[in-house]
Amino acid sequence: MRWKPLLAALGTAALLAAIPLLQRALGFSVYYLVFLYFIFFWVAQATSWNLFSGYAGMFSFGQVAFLGTGVYTVAILIMRYGWSLPAALPVAAALAGLLAFTVGWIVFRLRSLRGELFSLFTLVVGIGGGYVANSTPWIDGGQGIALTRVGYPALFESMTEYLYYLGLGTAVLAVSVAAAIQYSRLGRGLFAIHDDERVAEGLGVPTFRYKLTAFTINGLLAGLSGGIHAVQMNYVAVDSVFTLHFSLYAILMSVLGGTRHWMGPILGALVIHSLSDRLASAGFSELQQVITGSTLVIIILFMRDGIYGRLRDRLQPTLVLMAVTALVQWLALRPVDGLTLLTITVFVALAMLLLPPAVYDRVAAAWRPRFSSGSGMGSAL
């Protein structure tokens, strides 16, 4: 039963793999591939953060250091040493993982660095990475690196399509790893650490080893995704790479979607990036952070377990509402932009999920008794 959501996610990934082929055949805008690439990027980043910080309950702000390591490794290897992207990506992941292992080994040995002190230490690591890159000539030296000689296999029609598949593959890998960890002994140990680390130690959980393992995997996946993103950025500079935007958005998406399950970061990435993209397209990019932050506050106040926790109990009526909303938009607003349709549909679904349980139970009972809370398809999640 617990593997059904993962099978559904992998099935969705298989359908997404056909999107570029449809784009070739139907000729719709390549921007849809770019939009989906960013969803994949954020799924990988949020998932990699969540499998340590969400599962173990230790908030890390060092995500940007691992991502930045991956970005600069790929940029340097390709532009200065003539490596190919497939050859550079494993090195990027390995170096980011090594950084995470080193930081984790130091921090987790010092038992005094817990809670807020751990978060502050990782914040310093993230900020410090930018200073190191900016002041070291062979890394950046304040000059930036333009990725102008990146090739792609002839199998793909364009670099956009190539990055789409790399992003999709990385997202699938990150989600699969997070799901495997959640259902493993390591996952149970991380959740025990989340609940009470001292009690977990008393029960025989090897907390140091488990935390170090999860933190290293966090770095590996973040570095791999960052390496691909270096090519998407096209021009790598310290100000655009080592920014807390990456760490904060990874945290935001995980908390919004739900940190206790691997599906949470997927839902959070879909909601936040869809909202951000549509606001920017409508010319309201300056309000993006305000509206996104307000959405997070509302979710925290009314859905303590995140979107996933509430969706699990209301899956069937939510899917029905989303289908009806999409159909109404398609019939009434033609021609309708596909991304706008998606965003409106997602936020109508959020409205359903935000209904207080007492109100939802009354509405569900009046509409269709079998949609009562906790019944139907939601139990499959």
Protein backbone atom coordinates (compact mmCIF):
# COMPACT_ATOMS: atom_id res chain seq x y z
CA MET A 1 0.00 0.00 0.00
CA ARG A 2 2.76 2.43 0.90
CA TRP A 3 4.36 2.02 -2.53
CA LYS A 4 1.25 3.07 -4.45
CA PRO A 5 2.08 6.81 -4.30
CA LEU A 6 5.61 6.06 -5.55
CA LEU A 7 4.28 3.97 -8.42
CA ALA A 8 1.89 6.82 -9.27
CA ALA A 9 4.78 9.30 -9.19
CA LEU A 10 6.91 7.09 -11.44
CA GLY A 11 3.98 6.67 -13.80
CA THR A 12 3.64 10.44 -13.94
CA ALA A 13 7.36 10.72 -14.66
CA ALA A 14 6.94 8.29 -17.57
CA LEU A 15 4.20 10.49 -19.00
CA LEU A 16 6.36 13.58 -18.52
CA ALA A 17 9.12 11.87 -20.50
CA ALA A 18 6.80 11.99 -23.53
CA ILE A 19 6.22 15.76 -23.32
CA PRO A 20 9.22 16.74 -25.52
CA LEU A 21 8.04 14.29 -28.17
CA LEU A 22 4.62 15.96 -28.13
CA GLN A 23 6.32 19.34 -28.35
CA ARG A 24 8.12 18.22 -31.47
CA ALA A 25 4.96 16.82 -33.03
CA LEU A 26 2.53 19.59 -32.08
CA GLY A 27 4.92 22.52 -32.11
CA PHE A 28 3.71 24.17 -28.89
CA SER A 29 5.96 26.65 -27.12
CA VAL A 30 9.28 25.37 -25.85
CA TYR A 31 8.65 27.44 -22.73
CA TYR A 32 6.56 24.57 -21.38
CA LEU A 33 9.72 22.46 -21.32
CA VAL A 34 11.56 25.24 -19.49
CA PHE A 35 8.71 25.56 -16.98
CA LEU A 36 8.73 21.83 -16.29
CA TYR A 37 12.52 21.79 -16.05
CA PHE A 38 12.32 24.29 -13.19
CA ILE A 39 9.71 22.12 -11.48
CA PHE A 40 12.13 19.19 -11.73
CA PHE A 41 14.99 21.32 -10.43
CA TRP A 42 13.04 22.44 -7.39
CA VAL A 43 11.71 18.95 -6.72
CA ALA A 44 15.31 17.67 -6.63
CA GLN A 45 16.49 20.53 -4.41
CA ALA A 46 13.55 20.42 -2.00
CA THR A 47 13.63 16.63 -1.80
CA SER A 48 17.37 16.52 -1.12
CA TRP A 49 16.91 19.07 1.69
CA ASN A 50 13.90 17.25 3.10
CA LEU A 51 15.42 13.78 3.30
CA PHE A 52 17.77 15.12 5.96
CA SER A 53 16.26 18.26 7.47
CA GLY A 54 12.63 17.23 7.13
CA TYR A 55 13.07 13.63 8.22
CA ALA A 56 15.53 14.36 11.05
CA GLY A 57 14.04 17.72 12.04
CA MET A 58 17.35 19.62 11.85
CA PHE A 59 16.88 22.73 9.72
CA SER A 60 19.87 23.32 7.46
CA PHE A 61 20.53 26.55 5.55
CA GLY A 62 23.55 25.04 3.82
CA GLN A 63 21.65 23.87 0.73
CA VAL A 64 23.09 26.72 -1.32
CA ALA A 65 26.66 25.59 -0.52
CA PHE A 66 26.02 22.14 -2.01
CA LEU A 67 24.16 23.53 -5.00
CA GLY A 68 26.88 26.14 -5.56
CA THR A 69 29.58 23.47 -5.42
CA GLY A 70 27.78 21.55 -8.17
CA VAL A 71 27.25 24.67 -10.27
CA TYR A 72 30.87 25.83 -10.16
CA THR A 73 32.33 22.35 -10.58
CA VAL A 74 30.46 21.85 -13.85
CA ALA A 75 31.21 25.38 -15.06
CA ILE A 76 34.95 25.05 -14.37
CA LEU A 77 35.35 21.53 -15.77
CA ILE A 78 33.48 22.36 -18.99
CA MET A 79 34.84 25.83 -19.74
CA ARG A 80 38.41 25.52 -18.46
CA TYR A 81 39.20 21.86 -18.99
CA GLY A 82 36.95 20.93 -21.90
CA TRP A 83 34.98 18.21 -20.12
CA SER A 84 31.57 17.10 -21.33
CA LEU A 85 28.51 17.63 -19.16
CA PRO A 86 27.93 13.88 -18.50
CA ALA A 87 31.54 13.57 -17.32
CA ALA A 88 31.37 16.67 -15.12
CA LEU A 89 28.12 15.84 -13.33
CA PRO A 90 29.39 12.88 -11.24
CA VAL A 91 32.35 15.00 -10.09
CA ALA A 92 29.97 17.83 -9.14
CA ALA A 93 27.83 15.44 -7.10
CA ALA A 94 30.87 13.85 -5.46
CA LEU A 95 32.42 17.17 -4.41
CA ALA A 96 29.13 18.46 -3.02
CA GLY A 97 28.69 15.18 -1.16
CA LEU A 98 32.23 15.44 0.18
CA LEU A 99 31.53 18.97 1.42
CA ALA A 100 28.35 17.78 3.14
CA PHE A 101 30.22 14.83 4.68
CA THR A 102 33.00 17.11 5.99
CA VAL A 103 30.60 19.67 7.44
CA GLY A 104 28.41 16.94 8.92
CA TRP A 105 31.33 15.07 10.46
CA ILE A 106 32.47 18.24 12.25
CA VAL A 107 29.04 19.46 13.33
CA PHE A 108 27.60 16.14 14.44
CA ARG A 109 30.72 15.39 16.50
CA LEU A 110 30.17 18.63 18.39
CA ARG A 111 27.02 17.75 20.25
CA SER A 112 26.65 21.33 21.45
CA LEU A 113 25.77 22.38 17.88
CA ARG A 114 22.13 21.39 17.86
CA GLY A 115 18.89 23.19 17.11
CA GLU A 116 19.36 26.87 16.35
CA LEU A 117 23.16 26.60 16.57
CA PHE A 118 23.18 23.92 13.87
CA SER A 119 21.02 26.11 11.63
CA LEU A 120 23.30 29.10 12.16
CA PHE A 121 26.40 27.03 11.43
CA THR A 122 24.99 25.80 8.13
CA LEU A 123 23.94 29.37 7.31
CA VAL A 124 27.56 30.44 7.74
CA VAL A 125 28.67 27.59 5.47
CA GLY A 126 26.26 28.72 2.77
CA ILE A 127 27.28 32.37 2.97
CA GLY A 128 30.96 31.46 3.30
CA GLY A 129 30.84 29.48 0.06
CA GLY A 130 30.10 32.68 -1.83
CA TYR A 131 33.01 34.52 -0.24
CA VAL A 132 35.39 31.67 -1.04
CA ALA A 133 34.28 31.53 -4.69
CA ASN A 134 34.43 35.31 -5.07
CA SER A 135 37.91 35.68 -3.59
CA THR A 136 39.52 32.65 -5.28
CA PRO A 137 40.67 33.39 -8.86
CA TRP A 138 40.61 29.77 -10.07
CA ILE A 139 36.99 29.40 -8.93
CA ASP A 140 35.46 32.74 -9.90
CA GLY A 141 37.45 35.70 -8.61
CA GLY A 142 34.51 38.00 -9.20
CA GLN A 143 34.61 37.45 -12.99
CA GLY A 144 31.86 34.89 -13.46
CA ILE A 145 31.92 32.02 -15.96
CA ALA A 146 29.95 31.98 -19.22
CA LEU A 147 29.06 28.48 -20.39
CA THR A 148 29.35 28.94 -24.15
CA ARG A 149 30.74 25.57 -25.21
CA VAL A 150 28.28 23.03 -23.88
CA GLY A 151 27.26 20.38 -26.37
CA TYR A 152 24.37 17.95 -26.33
CA PRO A 153 23.87 14.52 -27.93
CA ALA A 154 22.38 14.37 -31.42
CA LEU A 155 19.53 12.28 -29.95
CA PHE A 156 18.01 15.50 -28.62
CA GLU A 157 16.59 18.29 -30.72
CA SER A 158 17.91 21.13 -28.57
CA MET A 159 19.77 21.95 -25.35
CA THR A 160 16.40 22.76 -23.76
CA GLU A 161 15.19 19.23 -24.45
CA TYR A 162 18.48 17.76 -23.19
CA LEU A 163 18.25 19.69 -19.91
CA TYR A 164 14.59 18.70 -19.60
CA TYR A 165 15.48 15.02 -19.56
CA LEU A 166 18.46 15.53 -17.25
CA GLY A 167 16.26 17.50 -14.85
CA LEU A 168 13.52 14.87 -14.98
CA GLY A 169 16.02 12.07 -14.36
CA THR A 170 17.53 13.89 -11.38
CA ALA A 171 14.10 14.59 -9.88
CA VAL A 172 13.09 10.92 -10.26
CA LEU A 173 16.38 9.85 -8.66
CA ALA A 174 15.94 12.23 -5.72
CA VAL A 175 12.33 11.17 -5.11
CA SER A 176 13.20 7.48 -5.37
CA VAL A 177 16.05 7.86 -2.88
CA ALA A 178 13.84 9.83 -0.48
CA ALA A 179 11.09 7.20 -0.68
CA ALA A 180 13.55 4.35 -0.17
CA ILE A 181 15.04 6.11 2.87
CA GLN A 182 11.62 6.85 4.37
CA TYR A 183 10.65 3.18 4.33
CA SER A 184 14.04 1.90 5.50
CA ARG A 185 15.72 1.49 8.88
CA LEU A 186 17.61 4.72 8.16
CA GLY A 187 14.32 6.54 7.67
CA ARG A 188 12.86 5.19 10.89
CA GLY A 189 16.01 6.27 12.69
CA LEU A 190 15.82 9.78 11.22
CA PHE A 191 12.19 10.12 12.29
CA ALA A 192 13.17 8.98 15.78
CA ILE A 193 15.85 11.70 15.83
CA HIS A 194 13.20 14.17 14.71
CA ASP A 195 10.96 13.24 17.63
CA ASP A 196 13.70 13.22 20.30
CA GLU A 197 17.35 12.62 19.54
CA ARG A 198 18.36 11.74 23.08
CA VAL A 199 15.58 9.17 23.38
CA ALA A 200 16.59 7.75 20.00
CA GLU A 201 20.17 7.35 21.23
CA GLY A 202 18.88 5.61 24.32
CA LEU A 203 16.99 3.16 22.13
CA GLY A 204 20.16 2.28 20.26
CA VAL A 205 19.77 4.42 17.13
CA PRO A 206 23.26 5.29 15.75
CA THR A 207 22.36 8.97 15.47
CA PHE A 208 25.77 10.20 14.32
CA ARG A 209 25.99 7.71 11.46
CA TYR A 210 22.39 8.19 10.37
CA LYS A 211 22.61 11.98 10.36
CA LEU A 212 25.93 11.94 8.52
CA THR A 213 24.60 9.51 5.91
CA ALA A 214 21.46 11.55 5.23
CA PHE A 215 23.36 14.84 5.17
CA THR A 216 25.87 13.45 2.68
CA ILE A 217 23.08 12.21 0.40
CA ASN A 218 21.53 15.68 0.70
CA GLY A 219 24.80 17.16 -0.61
CA LEU A 220 25.17 14.60 -3.41
CA LEU A 221 21.71 15.19 -4.84
CA ALA A 222 21.88 18.97 -4.44
CA GLY A 223 25.26 19.04 -6.20
CA LEU A 224 24.03 16.87 -9.06
CA SER A 225 20.97 19.06 -9.61
CA GLY A 226 23.13 22.18 -9.29
CA GLY A 227 25.53 20.91 -11.93
CA ILE A 228 22.70 20.59 -14.44
CA HIS A 229 21.39 24.01 -13.43
CA ALA A 230 24.74 25.60 -14.27
CA VAL A 231 24.04 24.96 -17.96
CA GLN A 232 20.48 26.26 -17.60
CA MET A 233 21.82 29.46 -16.04
CA ASN A 234 24.28 29.85 -18.95
CA TYR A 235 26.29 32.45 -17.00
CA VAL A 236 27.51 31.54 -13.52
CA ALA A 237 28.25 34.33 -11.04
CA VAL A 238 28.58 34.39 -7.26
CA ASP A 239 25.67 36.80 -6.81
CA SER A 240 23.29 34.55 -8.72
CA VAL A 241 24.49 31.23 -7.27
CA PHE A 242 25.38 31.75 -3.61
CA THR A 243 22.13 33.41 -2.66
CA LEU A 244 19.89 32.30 0.21
CA HIS A 245 17.04 32.23 -2.28
CA PHE A 246 17.91 28.62 -3.09
CA SER A 247 18.06 27.48 0.54
CA LEU A 248 14.92 29.34 1.56
CA TYR A 249 12.87 28.10 -1.39
CA ALA A 250 13.93 24.49 -0.77
CA ILE A 251 12.80 24.89 2.85
CA LEU A 252 9.61 26.68 1.86
CA MET A 253 8.59 24.02 -0.63
CA SER A 254 9.27 21.16 1.77
CA VAL A 255 7.40 22.74 4.68
CA LEU A 256 4.52 23.75 2.43
CA GLY A 257 4.15 20.29 0.97
CA GLY A 258 4.86 18.39 4.18
CA THR A 259 8.19 17.31 5.63
CA ARG A 260 7.15 13.90 6.96
CA HIS A 261 6.65 12.31 3.55
CA TRP A 262 8.68 12.15 0.35
CA MET A 263 5.74 13.47 -1.67
CA GLY A 264 5.61 16.75 0.28
CA PRO A 265 8.46 18.50 -1.61
CA ILE A 266 6.89 17.54 -4.95
CA LEU A 267 3.61 19.21 -4.04
CA GLY A 268 5.39 22.22 -2.56
CA ALA A 269 7.56 22.68 -5.66
CA LEU A 270 4.53 22.48 -7.95
CA VAL A 271 2.57 25.09 -5.98
CA ILE A 272 5.40 27.56 -5.35
CA HIS A 273 6.96 27.51 -8.80
CA SER A 274 3.58 27.72 -10.56
CA LEU A 275 2.66 30.72 -8.42
CA SER A 276 6.03 32.41 -8.91
CA ASP A 277 6.03 31.87 -12.66
CA ARG A 278 2.53 33.24 -13.21
CA LEU A 279 3.15 36.28 -10.99
CA ALA A 280 6.35 37.06 -12.89
CA SER A 281 4.56 36.64 -16.24
CA ALA A 282 1.79 38.99 -15.08
CA GLY A 283 4.31 41.65 -14.09
CA PHE A 284 3.94 41.17 -10.33
CA SER A 285 7.38 39.72 -9.66
CA GLU A 286 7.92 42.29 -6.87
CA LEU A 287 4.93 40.77 -5.01
CA GLN A 288 6.11 37.23 -5.56
CA GLN A 289 7.91 36.79 -2.25
CA VAL A 290 5.14 38.50 -0.27
CA ILE A 291 2.41 36.29 -1.72
CA THR A 292 4.55 33.17 -1.45
CA GLY A 293 5.37 33.93 2.19
CA SER A 294 1.70 34.61 2.94
CA THR A 295 0.77 31.26 1.40
CA LEU A 296 3.28 29.52 3.66
CA VAL A 297 1.90 31.26 6.76
CA ILE A 298 -1.64 30.21 5.86
CA ILE A 299 -0.56 26.60 5.30
CA ILE A 300 1.32 26.50 8.62
CA LEU A 301 -1.67 27.92 10.49
CA PHE A 302 -4.35 25.74 8.93
CA MET A 303 -2.49 22.67 7.65
CA ARG A 304 0.18 21.77 10.19
CA ASP A 305 1.17 18.62 8.28
CA GLY A 306 1.47 20.46 4.98
CA ILE A 307 -0.45 19.91 1.78
CA TYR A 308 0.26 16.18 1.69
CA GLY A 309 -1.20 15.53 5.14
CA ARG A 310 -4.53 17.08 4.16
CA LEU A 311 -4.56 15.74 0.59
CA ARG A 312 -4.16 12.19 1.88
CA ASP A 313 -7.59 12.46 3.51
CA ARG A 314 -9.28 14.38 0.69
CA LEU A 315 -7.73 12.95 -2.44
CA GLN A 316 -10.81 11.89 -4.39
CA PRO A 317 -12.92 15.08 -3.99
CA THR A 318 -9.83 17.20 -4.63
CA LEU A 319 -9.08 15.40 -7.90
CA VAL A 320 -12.71 15.76 -8.97
CA LEU A 321 -12.66 19.48 -8.16
CA MET A 322 -9.41 19.94 -10.11
CA ALA A 323 -10.85 18.16 -13.15
CA VAL A 324 -14.01 20.28 -13.07
CA THR A 325 -12.00 23.48 -12.64
CA ALA A 326 -9.72 22.66 -15.56
CA LEU A 327 -12.71 21.77 -17.77
CA VAL A 328 -14.56 24.99 -16.93
CA GLN A 329 -11.49 27.06 -17.75
CA TRP A 330 -10.99 25.19 -21.01
CA LEU A 331 -14.60 25.76 -22.12
CA ALA A 332 -15.11 29.31 -20.85
CA LEU A 333 -11.74 30.98 -21.38
CA ARG A 334 -10.58 29.61 -24.71
CA PRO A 335 -7.92 30.15 -25.76
CA VAL A 336 -6.45 29.59 -22.31
CA ASP A 337 -2.76 29.46 -21.46
CA GLY A 338 -1.87 25.98 -20.22
CA LEU A 339 0.31 27.21 -17.35
CA THR A 340 -2.35 29.65 -16.16
CA LEU A 341 -4.91 26.85 -16.29
CA LEU A 342 -2.61 24.66 -14.20
CA THR A 343 -1.97 27.38 -11.62
CA ILE A 344 -5.65 28.26 -11.16
CA THR A 345 -6.53 24.57 -10.88
CA VAL A 346 -3.85 24.01 -8.23
CA PHE A 347 -5.03 26.94 -6.12
CA VAL A 348 -8.68 25.92 -6.33
CA ALA A 349 -7.53 22.55 -4.98
CA LEU A 350 -5.68 24.37 -2.17
CA ALA A 351 -8.93 26.10 -1.25
CA MET A 352 -10.54 22.68 -0.86
CA LEU A 353 -7.67 21.50 1.33
CA LEU A 354 -7.80 24.62 3.51
CA LEU A 355 -11.40 23.99 4.54
CA PRO A 356 -11.46 23.21 8.29
CA PRO A 357 -12.24 19.54 8.95
CA ALA A 358 -15.64 20.31 10.48
CA VAL A 359 -16.70 22.41 7.47
CA TYR A 360 -15.29 19.90 5.00
CA ASP A 361 -17.14 17.00 6.65
CA ARG A 362 -20.45 18.87 6.39
CA VAL A 363 -19.89 19.79 2.74
CA ALA A 364 -18.73 16.29 1.85
CA ALA A 365 -21.67 14.66 3.65
CA ALA A 366 -24.15 16.94 1.89
CA TRP A 367 -22.56 16.47 -1.52
CA ARG A 368 -21.67 12.79 -1.48
CA PRO A 369 -21.32 10.69 1.70
CA ARG A 370 -18.52 8.55 0.33
CA PHE A 371 -16.28 11.65 0.17
CA SER A 372 -16.18 11.84 3.96
CA SER A 373 -12.79 12.60 5.48
CA GLY A 374 -10.33 9.69 5.48
CA SER A 375 -12.29 7.52 3.04
CA GLY A 376 -12.02 6.68 -0.62
CA MET A 377 -8.87 6.85 -2.66
CA GLY A 378 -7.13 8.99 -0.04
CA SER A 379 -6.46 5.91 2.04
CA ALA A 380 -4.14 4.71 -0.71
CA LEU A 381 -1.75 7.50 0.20
